[in-house]
């Protein structure tokens, strides 16, 4: 498989603070990214943070997507939960709708939806769960996800545009699945590892936790 022949867009999770707590250097990242996945209040984020983040993204020309998660503030959406299909659809509608209210006030369109954390990981493995979440996404809005998973299959079956992405800050296992830690572990890249990371992104390669190299089909979105 050859290298990607078009621009790779960088998407980043933003607005993941809560109340007086700040999570991540949002203002510093905004000039460097193409798209933002904005937390919608269930795993993190709140009304004031959503409003502020939308305005910041607009001022930097960054496209905005909803980042719905499981209802797990204490666990930051990184604990598995058992929800019925109707619940999964409803929490997706609820969270996307909350962000859309702030977008409408700023006359900014909703660019995409990208599930968060453990919800994302469970959707990759569980077709019924992925289908239930997809049913809560507004018509005509693309979804960001992992190629070759149940998430992609559910999107295709419902006629939802699917944008495959590659993670730069999350490890993969030897089957190409994401390794989602219960507590986020940030890698501190030195210049050499980061240059290798950039190479694997633009040649569609990933290096699993176990050491071998695995190729992914062509993607246009990178996540840092």
Protein backbone atom coordinates (compact mmCIF):
# COMPACT_ATOMS: atom_id res chain seq x y z
CA UNK A 1 0.00 0.00 0.00
CA UNK A 2 1.42 3.38 -1.00
CA UNK A 3 1.50 6.60 1.00
CA UNK A 4 -1.54 8.85 1.42
CA UNK A 5 -1.80 11.14 -1.60
CA UNK A 6 -3.86 13.89 0.00
CA UNK A 7 -3.73 16.13 3.04
CA UNK A 8 -4.16 14.47 6.43
CA UNK A 9 -6.43 16.47 8.74
CA UNK A 10 -5.65 16.62 12.45
CA UNK A 11 -8.50 16.32 14.93
CA UNK A 12 -8.15 16.84 18.68
CA UNK A 13 -10.47 16.42 21.69
CA UNK A 14 -11.24 19.81 23.26
CA UNK A 15 -13.47 21.25 25.97
CA UNK A 16 -12.81 18.39 28.36
CA UNK A 17 -12.57 20.43 31.53
CA UNK A 18 -15.39 20.72 34.07
CA UNK A 19 -16.32 23.73 36.16
CA UNK A 20 -13.09 25.31 37.38
CA UNK A 21 -11.02 22.32 36.29
CA UNK A 22 -9.05 22.67 33.06
CA UNK A 23 -8.08 19.65 30.99
CA UNK A 24 -5.58 20.14 28.19
CA UNK A 25 -3.95 23.14 26.46
CA UNK A 26 -6.94 23.94 24.22
CA UNK A 27 -5.90 27.49 23.34
CA UNK A 28 -2.37 26.39 22.40
CA UNK A 29 -3.62 23.56 20.18
CA UNK A 30 -6.23 25.50 18.21
CA UNK A 31 -3.82 27.17 15.74
CA UNK A 32 -2.35 23.75 14.89
CA UNK A 33 -5.44 21.63 14.16
CA UNK A 34 -8.09 21.15 11.50
CA UNK A 35 -11.01 19.82 13.53
CA UNK A 36 -12.10 19.70 17.16
CA UNK A 37 -14.11 17.01 18.94
CA UNK A 38 -15.93 18.94 21.67
CA UNK A 39 -17.00 17.17 24.86
CA UNK A 40 -20.76 17.31 25.38
CA UNK A 41 -21.15 17.03 29.15
CA UNK A 42 -21.44 13.30 29.84
CA UNK A 43 -17.79 12.25 30.17
CA UNK A 44 -16.58 15.83 30.65
CA UNK A 45 -17.36 19.39 29.65
CA UNK A 46 -20.22 21.60 30.78
CA UNK A 47 -22.45 24.29 29.31
CA UNK A 48 -20.05 27.20 29.82
CA UNK A 49 -17.05 25.22 28.57
CA UNK A 50 -18.98 24.12 25.46
CA UNK A 51 -19.96 27.71 24.70
CA UNK A 52 -16.41 28.98 25.21
CA UNK A 53 -14.86 26.16 23.16
CA UNK A 54 -17.24 26.72 20.25
CA UNK A 55 -16.34 30.41 20.19
CA UNK A 56 -12.61 29.67 20.34
CA UNK A 57 -12.87 27.16 17.49
CA UNK A 58 -14.84 29.62 15.39
CA UNK A 59 -12.24 32.35 15.93
CA UNK A 60 -9.51 29.98 14.66
CA UNK A 61 -11.49 28.56 11.73
CA UNK A 62 -11.45 25.07 13.25
CA UNK A 63 -14.32 22.78 12.26
CA UNK A 64 -16.34 21.46 15.17
CA UNK A 65 -17.67 17.99 15.87
CA UNK A 66 -19.57 16.50 18.81
CA UNK A 67 -17.70 14.14 21.12
CA UNK A 68 -20.41 12.17 22.97
CA UNK A 69 -19.41 9.69 25.64
CA UNK A 70 -20.84 7.35 28.24
CA UNK A 71 -22.54 9.00 31.26
CA UNK A 72 -19.44 8.67 33.43
CA UNK A 73 -18.04 11.98 34.68
CA UNK A 74 -16.04 10.43 37.49
CA UNK A 75 -14.40 7.89 35.18
CA UNK A 76 -13.99 10.32 32.26
CA UNK A 77 -15.98 7.98 30.02
CA UNK A 78 -13.32 5.27 30.30
CA UNK A 79 -15.33 2.62 32.17
CA UNK A 80 -17.50 0.12 30.33
CA UNK A 81 -21.22 0.40 30.98
CA UNK A 82 -24.18 -1.74 29.98
CA UNK A 83 -26.85 0.39 28.33
CA UNK A 84 -29.90 -0.64 26.34
CA UNK A 85 -29.98 0.31 22.64
CA UNK A 86 -32.63 2.99 23.23
CA UNK A 87 -30.47 4.50 25.97
CA UNK A 88 -27.45 4.63 23.66
CA UNK A 89 -29.47 6.35 20.95
CA UNK A 90 -30.95 8.78 23.46
CA UNK A 91 -27.66 9.81 25.09
CA UNK A 92 -26.22 10.44 21.62
CA UNK A 93 -29.17 12.62 20.58
CA UNK A 94 -28.96 14.46 23.92
CA UNK A 95 -25.25 15.24 23.74
CA UNK A 96 -25.10 16.13 20.05
CA UNK A 97 -28.18 18.29 20.51
CA UNK A 98 -26.57 20.15 23.41
CA UNK A 99 -23.52 21.06 21.36
CA UNK A 100 -25.66 21.90 18.34
CA UNK A 101 -27.48 24.51 20.40
CA UNK A 102 -24.22 26.40 20.95
CA UNK A 103 -23.19 25.94 17.32
CA UNK A 104 -26.50 27.39 16.10
CA UNK A 105 -26.01 30.48 18.29
CA UNK A 106 -22.67 31.09 16.57
CA UNK A 107 -23.99 30.20 13.08
CA UNK A 108 -21.44 27.37 12.84
CA UNK A 109 -22.36 24.00 11.28
CA UNK A 110 -21.85 20.65 13.00
CA UNK A 111 -18.99 19.09 11.05
CA UNK A 112 -18.97 15.52 12.42
CA UNK A 113 -19.57 13.23 15.38
CA UNK A 114 -16.81 11.24 17.04
CA UNK A 115 -17.64 8.95 20.00
CA UNK A 116 -15.39 9.24 23.03
CA UNK A 117 -13.16 6.81 24.90
CA UNK A 118 -14.70 3.54 25.97
CA UNK A 119 -17.86 4.22 23.97
CA UNK A 120 -15.66 4.41 20.86
CA UNK A 121 -13.85 1.20 21.77
CA UNK A 122 -17.04 -0.73 22.52
CA UNK A 123 -18.57 0.42 19.24
CA UNK A 124 -15.55 -0.93 17.38
CA UNK A 125 -16.27 -4.41 18.79
CA UNK A 126 -20.07 -4.48 19.20
CA UNK A 127 -22.23 -4.05 16.10
CA UNK A 128 -25.54 -3.60 17.97
CA UNK A 129 -24.03 -0.95 20.20
CA UNK A 130 -22.51 0.85 17.23
CA UNK A 131 -25.84 0.72 15.40
CA UNK A 132 -27.71 2.19 18.38
CA UNK A 133 -25.29 5.11 18.67
CA UNK A 134 -25.33 5.75 14.94
CA UNK A 135 -29.12 6.06 15.05
CA UNK A 136 -28.70 9.10 17.30
CA UNK A 137 -26.53 10.99 14.83
CA UNK A 138 -28.25 13.72 12.78
CA UNK A 139 -28.89 12.89 9.14
CA UNK A 140 -26.10 13.93 6.82
CA UNK A 141 -23.43 14.26 9.53
CA UNK A 142 -20.25 12.15 9.08
CA UNK A 143 -18.77 9.98 11.81
CA UNK A 144 -15.08 9.62 12.68
CA UNK A 145 -14.01 6.08 13.57
CA UNK A 146 -11.60 3.20 13.20
CA UNK A 147 -11.44 1.45 9.83
CA UNK A 148 -12.44 -2.19 9.49
CA UNK A 149 -14.51 -2.29 12.70
CA UNK A 150 -18.14 -2.84 13.67
CA UNK A 151 -18.40 0.93 13.93
CA UNK A 152 -17.64 1.30 10.25
CA UNK A 153 -20.00 -1.54 9.34
CA UNK A 154 -22.88 0.05 11.29
CA UNK A 155 -22.27 3.42 9.65
CA UNK A 156 -22.22 1.86 6.19
CA UNK A 157 -25.40 -0.12 6.87
CA UNK A 158 -27.22 3.08 7.87
CA UNK A 159 -25.83 5.11 4.98
CA UNK A 160 -23.78 7.36 7.28
CA UNK A 161 -20.59 8.82 5.83
CA UNK A 162 -17.62 7.29 7.66
CA UNK A 163 -14.27 9.04 7.95
CA UNK A 164 -11.54 6.60 8.96
CA UNK A 165 -8.86 7.96 11.26
CA UNK A 166 -5.50 6.97 12.67
CA UNK A 167 -4.45 7.76 16.25
CA UNK A 168 -1.09 9.30 17.01
CA UNK A 169 -1.40 9.23 20.80
CA UNK A 170 -3.04 5.87 21.49
CA UNK A 171 -1.43 2.45 21.20
CA UNK A 172 -2.77 -0.38 19.02
CA UNK A 173 -2.78 -4.11 19.72
CA UNK A 174 -1.52 -6.71 17.22
CA UNK A 175 -4.98 -6.90 15.61
CA UNK A 176 -5.10 -3.19 14.88
CA UNK A 177 -7.53 -2.39 17.72
CA UNK A 178 -7.01 0.59 20.01
CA UNK A 179 -5.66 0.00 23.50
CA UNK A 180 -7.85 2.32 25.61
CA UNK A 181 -6.39 2.67 29.11
CA UNK A 182 -8.65 3.05 32.13
CA UNK A 183 -6.51 6.03 33.08
CA UNK A 184 -5.09 8.01 30.17
CA UNK A 185 -1.34 7.50 29.80
CA UNK A 186 0.30 10.23 27.75
CA UNK A 187 3.38 9.37 25.72
CA UNK A 188 6.13 11.98 25.80
CA UNK A 189 7.60 11.81 22.31
CA UNK A 190 11.26 12.67 21.78
CA UNK A 191 12.22 13.92 18.29
CA UNK A 192 13.19 10.48 16.97
CA UNK A 193 10.05 8.56 18.06
CA UNK A 194 7.85 11.42 16.87
CA UNK A 195 9.42 11.40 13.41
CA UNK A 196 8.75 7.66 13.29
CA UNK A 197 5.16 8.30 14.37
CA UNK A 198 4.72 10.81 11.56
CA UNK A 199 6.11 8.29 9.06
CA UNK A 200 3.72 5.55 10.15
CA UNK A 201 0.75 7.90 9.87
CA UNK A 202 1.52 9.00 6.33
CA UNK A 203 2.29 5.46 5.13
CA UNK A 204 -0.80 3.94 6.82
CA UNK A 205 1.33 1.87 9.20
CA UNK A 206 0.85 1.34 12.93
CA UNK A 207 3.19 -0.18 15.46
CA UNK A 208 1.24 -2.32 17.92
CA UNK A 209 2.03 -2.64 21.60
CA UNK A 210 3.56 -6.03 20.87
CA UNK A 211 6.13 -4.67 18.43
CA UNK A 212 5.22 -5.82 14.90
CA UNK A 213 4.00 -3.50 12.15
CA UNK A 214 0.47 -3.61 10.78
CA UNK A 215 -0.90 -1.74 7.77
CA UNK A 216 -4.23 0.08 7.74
CA UNK A 217 -6.22 1.13 4.72
CA UNK A 218 -5.88 4.71 3.51
CA UNK A 219 -7.12 7.38 5.89
CA UNK A 220 -7.54 11.15 5.77
CA UNK A 221 -7.84 12.01 9.45
CA UNK A 222 -5.16 11.82 12.12
CA UNK A 223 -5.90 12.24 15.81
CA UNK A 224 -3.45 13.70 18.31
